[in-house]
Amino acid sequence: MIGFVEFNGGHRYADFIPGTDKVAEYGIAALIAGSLAAKAGVFKLLLGALLALKKLIVVAAVGVAAFLRKLFRRAPADAS
């Protein structure tokens, strides 16, 4: 299968320039930690917390929207 894959020039592993090319900031340890968190059910726990707090989140979003609307509303033309 690997023999059928062909990458564009500049995107090959051999084209990497250590001083100028960016390297991903996450490493194998971050990938392993993420998979361990997924196996431990951390993401299910977070989803459960979001569902439990959905009313609070909705009220907070409405409050933020009202504040932004008040902040960016134009004053009436006859007010001055």
PDB file of N, CA and C in Angstrom:
ATOM      1  N   MET A   1       0.809  -1.191   0.000  1.00  0.00           N
ATOM      2  CA  MET A   1       0.000   0.000   0.000  1.00  0.00           C
ATOM      3  C   MET A   1       0.854   1.259   0.000  1.00  0.00           C
ATOM      4  N   ILE A   2       1.924   1.255   0.773  1.00  0.00           N
ATOM      5  CA  ILE A   2       2.748   2.452   0.888  1.00  0.00           C
ATOM      6  C   ILE A   2       3.360   2.814  -0.455  1.00  0.00           C
ATOM      7  N   GLY A   3       3.612   1.837  -1.292  1.00  0.00           N
ATOM      8  CA  GLY A   3       4.188   2.103  -2.602  1.00  0.00           C
ATOM      9  C   GLY A   3       3.260   2.886  -3.512  1.00  0.00           C
ATOM     10  N   PHE A   4       1.971   2.855  -3.265  1.00  0.00           N
ATOM     11  CA  PHE A   4       1.015   3.574  -4.108  1.00  0.00           C
ATOM     12  C   PHE A   4       0.818   5.026  -3.676  1.00  0.00           C
ATOM     13  N   VAL A   5       1.279   5.382  -2.483  1.00  0.00           N
ATOM     14  CA  VAL A   5       1.093   6.741  -1.973  1.00  0.00           C
ATOM     15  C   VAL A   5       2.225   7.623  -2.457  1.00  0.00           C
ATOM     16  N   GLU A   6       1.866   8.800  -2.968  1.00  0.00           N
ATOM     17  CA  GLU A   6       2.875   9.753  -3.422  1.00  0.00           C
ATOM     18  C   GLU A   6       2.494  11.134  -2.913  1.00  0.00           C
ATOM     19  N   PHE A   7       3.408  11.783  -2.169  1.00  0.00           N
ATOM     20  CA  PHE A   7       3.157  13.104  -1.608  1.00  0.00           C
ATOM     21  C   PHE A   7       3.682  14.176  -2.545  1.00  0.00           C
ATOM     22  N   ASN A   8       3.105  15.363  -2.451  1.00  0.00           N
ATOM     23  CA  ASN A   8       3.561  16.496  -3.250  1.00  0.00           C
ATOM     24  C   ASN A   8       4.940  16.930  -2.791  1.00  0.00           C
ATOM     25  N   GLY A   9       5.678  17.566  -3.680  1.00  0.00           N
ATOM     26  CA  GLY A   9       6.995  18.068  -3.337  1.00  0.00           C
ATOM     27  C   GLY A   9       6.912  19.077  -2.202  1.00  0.00           C
ATOM     28  N   GLY A  10       7.830  19.018  -1.254  1.00  0.00           N
ATOM     29  CA  GLY A  10       7.827  19.905  -0.108  1.00  0.00           C
ATOM     30  C   GLY A  10       7.049  19.354   1.073  1.00  0.00           C
ATOM     31  N   HIS A  11       6.266  18.321   0.857  1.00  0.00           N
ATOM     32  CA  HIS A  11       5.475  17.725   1.921  1.00  0.00           C
ATOM     33  C   HIS A  11       5.969  16.331   2.298  1.00  0.00           C
ATOM     34  N   ARG A  12       7.115  15.962   1.790  1.00  0.00           N
ATOM     35  CA  ARG A  12       7.686  14.653   2.092  1.00  0.00           C
ATOM     36  C   ARG A  12       8.526  14.731   3.360  1.00  0.00           C
ATOM     37  N   TYR A  13       8.735  13.607   3.993  1.00  0.00           N
ATOM     38  CA  TYR A  13       9.566  13.536   5.186  1.00  0.00           C
ATOM     39  C   TYR A  13      10.996  13.962   4.860  1.00  0.00           C
ATOM     40  N   ALA A  14      11.456  13.639   3.689  1.00  0.00           N
ATOM     41  CA  ALA A  14      12.828  13.969   3.293  1.00  0.00           C
ATOM     42  C   ALA A  14      13.002  15.468   3.063  1.00  0.00           C
ATOM     43  N   ASP A  15      11.918  16.219   2.864  1.00  0.00           N
ATOM     44  CA  ASP A  15      11.995  17.657   2.600  1.00  0.00           C
ATOM     45  C   ASP A  15      12.022  18.493   3.873  1.00  0.00           C
ATOM     46  N   PHE A  16      12.019  17.868   5.045  1.00  0.00           N
ATOM     47  CA  PHE A  16      11.997  18.584   6.321  1.00  0.00           C
ATOM     48  C   PHE A  16      13.292  19.352   6.522  1.00  0.00           C
ATOM     49  N   ILE A  17      13.172  20.646   6.885  1.00  0.00           N
ATOM     50  CA  ILE A  17      14.330  21.492   7.182  1.00  0.00           C
ATOM     51  C   ILE A  17      14.250  21.831   8.668  1.00  0.00           C
ATOM     52  N   PRO A  18      15.175  21.313   9.489  1.00  0.00           N
ATOM     53  CA  PRO A  18      15.074  21.447  10.945  1.00  0.00           C
ATOM     54  C   PRO A  18      14.991  22.886  11.463  1.00  0.00           C
ATOM     55  N   GLY A  19      15.669  23.834  10.857  1.00  0.00           N
ATOM     56  CA  GLY A  19      15.681  25.198  11.387  1.00  0.00           C
ATOM     57  C   GLY A  19      14.456  26.017  11.044  1.00  0.00           C
ATOM     58  N   THR A  20      13.798  25.721   9.938  1.00  0.00           N
ATOM     59  CA  THR A  20      12.705  26.575   9.486  1.00  0.00           C
ATOM     60  C   THR A  20      11.334  25.930   9.565  1.00  0.00           C
ATOM     61  N   ASP A  21      11.248  24.623   9.424  1.00  0.00           N
ATOM     62  CA  ASP A  21       9.946  23.952   9.450  1.00  0.00           C
ATOM     63  C   ASP A  21       9.432  23.822  10.882  1.00  0.00           C
ATOM     64  N   LYS A  22       8.133  23.964  11.028  1.00  0.00           N
ATOM     65  CA  LYS A  22       7.518  23.832  12.348  1.00  0.00           C
ATOM     66  C   LYS A  22       7.332  22.353  12.676  1.00  0.00           C
ATOM     67  N   VAL A  23       7.505  22.059  13.942  1.00  0.00           N
ATOM     68  CA  VAL A  23       7.309  20.698  14.441  1.00  0.00           C
ATOM     69  C   VAL A  23       6.072  20.730  15.331  1.00  0.00           C
ATOM     70  N   ALA A  24       5.270  19.695  15.269  1.00  0.00           N
ATOM     71  CA  ALA A  24       4.074  19.634  16.109  1.00  0.00           C
ATOM     72  C   ALA A  24       4.476  19.747  17.580  1.00  0.00           C
ATOM     73  N   GLU A  25       3.725  20.551  18.337  1.00  0.00           N
ATOM     74  CA  GLU A  25       4.066  20.765  19.734  1.00  0.00           C
ATOM     75  C   GLU A  25       3.652  19.605  20.622  1.00  0.00           C
ATOM     76  N   TYR A  26       2.800  18.750  20.135  1.00  0.00           N
ATOM     77  CA  TYR A  26       2.409  17.597  20.925  1.00  0.00           C
ATOM     78  C   TYR A  26       3.264  16.415  20.479  1.00  0.00           C
ATOM     79  N   GLY A  27       3.480  15.535  21.365  1.00  0.00           N
ATOM     80  CA  GLY A  27       4.310  14.381  21.053  1.00  0.00           C
ATOM     81  C   GLY A  27       3.575  13.093  21.317  1.00  0.00           C
ATOM     82  N   ILE A  28       4.318  12.046  21.332  1.00  0.00           N
ATOM     83  CA  ILE A  28       3.734  10.730  21.541  1.00  0.00           C
ATOM     84  C   ILE A  28       3.133  10.634  22.943  1.00  0.00           C
ATOM     85  N   ALA A  29       3.714  11.344  23.919  1.00  0.00           N
ATOM     86  CA  ALA A  29       3.180  11.311  25.280  1.00  0.00           C
ATOM     87  C   ALA A  29       1.782  11.920  25.328  1.00  0.00           C
ATOM     88  N   ALA A  30       1.555  13.010  24.598  1.00  0.00           N
ATOM     89  CA  ALA A  30       0.232  13.639  24.572  1.00  0.00           C
ATOM     90  C   ALA A  30      -0.784  12.731  23.891  1.00  0.00           C
ATOM     91  N   LEU A  31      -0.367  12.058  22.849  1.00  0.00           N
ATOM     92  CA  LEU A  31      -1.274  11.138  22.173  1.00  0.00           C
ATOM     93  C   LEU A  31      -1.648   9.963  23.077  1.00  0.00           C
ATOM     94  N   ILE A  32      -0.675   9.458  23.809  1.00  0.00           N
ATOM     95  CA  ILE A  32      -0.938   8.354  24.729  1.00  0.00           C
ATOM     96  C   ILE A  32      -1.838   8.819  25.874  1.00  0.00           C
ATOM     97  N   ALA A  33      -1.570  10.027  26.409  1.00  0.00           N
ATOM     98  CA  ALA A  33      -2.398  10.554  27.499  1.00  0.00           C
ATOM     99  C   ALA A  33      -3.837  10.748  27.038  1.00  0.00           C
ATOM    100  N   GLY A  34      -4.023  11.226  25.815  1.00  0.00           N
ATOM    101  CA  GLY A  34      -5.368  11.405  25.281  1.00  0.00           C
ATOM    102  C   GLY A  34      -6.108  10.095  25.123  1.00  0.00           C
ATOM    103  N   SER A  35      -5.410   9.086  24.658  1.00  0.00           N
ATOM    104  CA  SER A  35      -6.069   7.784  24.498  1.00  0.00           C
ATOM    105  C   SER A  35      -6.377   7.153  25.853  1.00  0.00           C
ATOM    106  N   LEU A  36      -5.501   7.357  26.834  1.00  0.00           N
ATOM    107  CA  LEU A  36      -5.770   6.849  28.179  1.00  0.00           C
ATOM    108  C   LEU A  36      -6.970   7.557  28.799  1.00  0.00           C
ATOM    109  N   ALA A  37      -7.071   8.875  28.559  1.00  0.00           N
ATOM    110  CA  ALA A  37      -8.220   9.629  29.079  1.00  0.00           C
ATOM    111  C   ALA A  37      -9.509   9.139  28.437  1.00  0.00           C
ATOM    112  N   ALA A  38      -9.447   8.833  27.154  1.00  0.00           N
ATOM    113  CA  ALA A  38     -10.638   8.333  26.464  1.00  0.00           C
ATOM    114  C   ALA A  38     -11.038   6.966  27.017  1.00  0.00           C
ATOM    115  N   LYS A  39     -10.058   6.117  27.268  1.00  0.00           N
ATOM    116  CA  LYS A  39     -10.357   4.794  27.808  1.00  0.00           C
ATOM    117  C   LYS A  39     -10.891   4.875  29.233  1.00  0.00           C
ATOM    118  N   ALA A  40     -10.442   5.865  29.987  1.00  0.00           N
ATOM    119  CA  ALA A  40     -10.876   6.005  31.375  1.00  0.00           C
ATOM    120  C   ALA A  40     -12.259   6.634  31.480  1.00  0.00           C
ATOM    121  N   GLY A  41     -12.782   7.139  30.400  1.00  0.00           N
ATOM    122  CA  GLY A  41     -14.124   7.713  30.413  1.00  0.00           C
ATOM    123  C   GLY A  41     -14.171   9.173  30.811  1.00  0.00           C
ATOM    124  N   VAL A  42     -13.064   9.878  30.695  1.00  0.00           N
ATOM    125  CA  VAL A  42     -13.031  11.291  31.066  1.00  0.00           C
ATOM    126  C   VAL A  42     -13.973  12.097  30.185  1.00  0.00           C
ATOM    127  N   PHE A  43     -14.022  11.778  28.902  1.00  0.00           N
ATOM    128  CA  PHE A  43     -14.858  12.542  27.985  1.00  0.00           C
ATOM    129  C   PHE A  43     -16.342  12.289  28.247  1.00  0.00           C
ATOM    130  N   LYS A  44     -16.696  11.085  28.660  1.00  0.00           N
ATOM    131  CA  LYS A  44     -18.084  10.807  29.039  1.00  0.00           C
ATOM    132  C   LYS A  44     -18.458  11.592  30.289  1.00  0.00           C
ATOM    133  N   LEU A  45     -17.521  11.703  31.205  1.00  0.00           N
ATOM    134  CA  LEU A  45     -17.748  12.472  32.426  1.00  0.00           C
ATOM    135  C   LEU A  45     -17.976  13.946  32.101  1.00  0.00           C
ATOM    136  N   LEU A  46     -17.156  14.501  31.207  1.00  0.00           N
ATOM    137  CA  LEU A  46     -17.322  15.897  30.811  1.00  0.00           C
ATOM    138  C   LEU A  46     -18.652  16.125  30.097  1.00  0.00           C
ATOM    139  N   LEU A  47     -19.039  15.207  29.241  1.00  0.00           N
ATOM    140  CA  LEU A  47     -20.321  15.313  28.547  1.00  0.00           C
ATOM    141  C   LEU A  47     -21.474  15.248  29.547  1.00  0.00           C
ATOM    142  N   GLY A  48     -21.372  14.371  30.528  1.00  0.00           N
ATOM    143  CA  GLY A  48     -22.392  14.278  31.571  1.00  0.00           C
ATOM    144  C   GLY A  48     -22.496  15.567  32.369  1.00  0.00           C
ATOM    145  N   ALA A  49     -21.361  16.191  32.663  1.00  0.00           N
ATOM    146  CA  ALA A  49     -21.369  17.460  33.399  1.00  0.00           C
ATOM    147  C   ALA A  49     -22.014  18.559  32.570  1.00  0.00           C
ATOM    148  N   LEU A  50     -21.717  18.584  31.273  1.00  0.00           N
ATOM    149  CA  LEU A  50     -22.341  19.583  30.399  1.00  0.00           C
ATOM    150  C   LEU A  50     -23.847  19.397  30.330  1.00  0.00           C
ATOM    151  N   LEU A  51     -24.293  18.161  30.243  1.00  0.00           N
ATOM    152  CA  LEU A  51     -25.732  17.901  30.201  1.00  0.00           C
ATOM    153  C   LEU A  51     -26.403  18.281  31.516  1.00  0.00           C
ATOM    154  N   ALA A  52     -25.720  18.059  32.624  1.00  0.00           N
ATOM    155  CA  ALA A  52     -26.284  18.410  33.927  1.00  0.00           C
ATOM    156  C   ALA A  52     -26.374  19.921  34.106  1.00  0.00           C
ATOM    157  N   LEU A  53     -25.460  20.640  33.521  1.00  0.00           N
ATOM    158  CA  LEU A  53     -25.421  22.097  33.676  1.00  0.00           C
ATOM    159  C   LEU A  53     -26.013  22.846  32.486  1.00  0.00           C
ATOM    160  N   LYS A  54     -26.798  22.166  31.659  1.00  0.00           N
ATOM    161  CA  LYS A  54     -27.277  22.790  30.427  1.00  0.00           C
ATOM    162  C   LYS A  54     -28.140  24.025  30.694  1.00  0.00           C
ATOM    163  N   LYS A  55     -28.960  24.008  31.742  1.00  0.00           N
ATOM    164  CA  LYS A  55     -29.785  25.180  32.035  1.00  0.00           C
ATOM    165  C   LYS A  55     -28.913  26.367  32.424  1.00  0.00           C
ATOM    166  N   LEU A  56     -27.907  26.123  33.231  1.00  0.00           N
ATOM    167  CA  LEU A  56     -27.001  27.191  33.622  1.00  0.00           C
ATOM    168  C   LEU A  56     -26.251  27.747  32.418  1.00  0.00           C
ATOM    169  N   ILE A  57     -25.833  26.863  31.521  1.00  0.00           N
ATOM    170  CA  ILE A  57     -25.113  27.295  30.321  1.00  0.00           C
ATOM    171  C   ILE A  57     -26.013  28.136  29.425  1.00  0.00           C
ATOM    172  N   VAL A  58     -27.278  27.737  29.274  1.00  0.00           N
ATOM    173  CA  VAL A  58     -28.220  28.494  28.446  1.00  0.00           C
ATOM    174  C   VAL A  58     -28.476  29.874  29.052  1.00  0.00           C
ATOM    175  N   VAL A  59     -28.689  29.936  30.359  1.00  0.00           N
ATOM    176  CA  VAL A  59     -28.927  31.221  31.022  1.00  0.00           C
ATOM    177  C   VAL A  59     -27.705  32.127  30.888  1.00  0.00           C
ATOM    178  N   ALA A  60     -26.519  31.586  31.040  1.00  0.00           N
ATOM    179  CA  ALA A  60     -25.292  32.364  30.897  1.00  0.00           C
ATOM    180  C   ALA A  60     -25.142  32.877  29.461  1.00  0.00           C
ATOM    181  N   ALA A  61     -25.467  32.061  28.471  1.00  0.00           N
ATOM    182  CA  ALA A  61     -25.366  32.478  27.073  1.00  0.00           C
ATOM    183  C   ALA A  61     -26.359  33.599  26.772  1.00  0.00           C
ATOM    184  N   VAL A  62     -27.575  33.496  27.308  1.00  0.00           N
ATOM    185  CA  VAL A  62     -28.570  34.556  27.100  1.00  0.00           C
ATOM    186  C   VAL A  62     -28.095  35.847  27.760  1.00  0.00           C
ATOM    187  N   GLY A  63     -27.522  35.753  28.938  1.00  0.00           N
ATOM    188  CA  GLY A  63     -26.996  36.933  29.620  1.00  0.00           C
ATOM    189  C   GLY A  63     -25.872  37.595  28.855  1.00  0.00           C
ATOM    190  N   VAL A  64     -24.975  36.811  28.320  1.00  0.00           N
ATOM    191  CA  VAL A  64     -23.872  37.355  27.527  1.00  0.00           C
ATOM    192  C   VAL A  64     -24.411  38.009  26.261  1.00  0.00           C
ATOM    193  N   ALA A  65     -25.385  37.384  25.613  1.00  0.00           N
ATOM    194  CA  ALA A  65     -25.975  37.950  24.404  1.00  0.00           C
ATOM    195  C   ALA A  65     -26.668  39.273  24.705  1.00  0.00           C
ATOM    196  N   ALA A  66     -27.395  39.353  25.822  1.00  0.00           N
ATOM    197  CA  ALA A  66     -28.065  40.599  26.195  1.00  0.00           C
ATOM    198  C   ALA A  66     -27.045  41.691  26.499  1.00  0.00           C
ATOM    199  N   PHE A  67     -25.965  41.339  27.175  1.00  0.00           N
ATOM    200  CA  PHE A  67     -24.926  42.315  27.475  1.00  0.00           C
ATOM    201  C   PHE A  67     -24.283  42.847  26.194  1.00  0.00           C
ATOM    202  N   LEU A  68     -23.964  41.944  25.266  1.00  0.00           N
ATOM    203  CA  LEU A  68     -23.354  42.379  24.012  1.00  0.00           C
ATOM    204  C   LEU A  68     -24.317  43.223  23.191  1.00  0.00           C
ATOM    205  N   ARG A  69     -25.592  42.878  23.225  1.00  0.00           N
ATOM    206  CA  ARG A  69     -26.586  43.668  22.486  1.00  0.00           C
ATOM    207  C   ARG A  69     -26.670  45.076  23.064  1.00  0.00           C
ATOM    208  N   LYS A  70     -26.672  45.185  24.383  1.00  0.00           N
ATOM    209  CA  LYS A  70     -26.725  46.489  25.032  1.00  0.00           C
ATOM    210  C   LYS A  70     -25.453  47.278  24.762  1.00  0.00           C
ATOM    211  N   LEU A  71     -24.343  46.598  24.728  1.00  0.00           N
ATOM    212  CA  LEU A  71     -23.050  47.253  24.527  1.00  0.00           C
ATOM    213  C   LEU A  71     -22.919  47.825  23.121  1.00  0.00           C
ATOM    214  N   PHE A  72     -23.423  47.103  22.125  1.00  0.00           N
ATOM    215  CA  PHE A  72     -23.240  47.527  20.735  1.00  0.00           C
ATOM    216  C   PHE A  72     -24.459  48.196  20.130  1.00  0.00           C
ATOM    217  N   ARG A  73     -25.505  48.435  20.918  1.00  0.00           N
ATOM    218  CA  ARG A  73     -26.697  49.080  20.385  1.00  0.00           C
ATOM    219  C   ARG A  73     -26.421  50.552  20.151  1.00  0.00           C
ATOM    220  N   ARG A  74     -26.927  51.092  19.038  1.00  0.00           N
ATOM    221  CA  ARG A  74     -26.755  52.505  18.732  1.00  0.00           C
ATOM    222  C   ARG A  74     -27.771  53.328  19.509  1.00  0.00           C
ATOM    223  N   ALA A  75     -27.336  54.516  19.871  1.00  0.00           N
ATOM    224  CA  ALA A  75     -28.241  55.426  20.581  1.00  0.00           C
ATOM    225  C   ALA A  75     -29.237  55.995  19.586  1.00  0.00           C
ATOM    226  N   PRO A  76     -30.475  56.285  20.004  1.00  0.00           N
ATOM    227  CA  PRO A  76     -31.462  56.887  19.090  1.00  0.00           C
ATOM    228  C   PRO A  76     -30.959  58.239  18.580  1.00  0.00           C
ATOM    229  N   ALA A  77     -31.347  58.596  17.360  1.00  0.00           N
ATOM    230  CA  ALA A  77     -30.867  59.825  16.724  1.00  0.00           C
ATOM    231  C   ALA A  77     -31.368  61.065  17.445  1.00  0.00           C
ATOM    232  N   ASP A  78     -32.557  61.034  18.053  1.00  0.00           N
ATOM    233  CA  ASP A  78     -33.104  62.215  18.703  1.00  0.00           C
ATOM    234  C   ASP A  78     -32.644  62.352  20.160  1.00  0.00           C
ATOM    235  N   ALA A  79     -31.767  61.490  20.624  1.00  0.00           N
ATOM    236  CA  ALA A  79     -31.299  61.530  22.022  1.00  0.00           C
ATOM    237  C   ALA A  79     -30.313  62.660  22.252  1.00  0.00           C
ATOM    238  N   SER A  80     -29.651  63.193  21.216  1.00  0.00           N
ATOM    239  CA  SER A  80     -28.645  64.214  21.447  1.00  0.00           C
ATOM    240  C   SER A  80     -29.136  65.613  21.318  1.00  0.00           C
TER     241      SER A  80
END
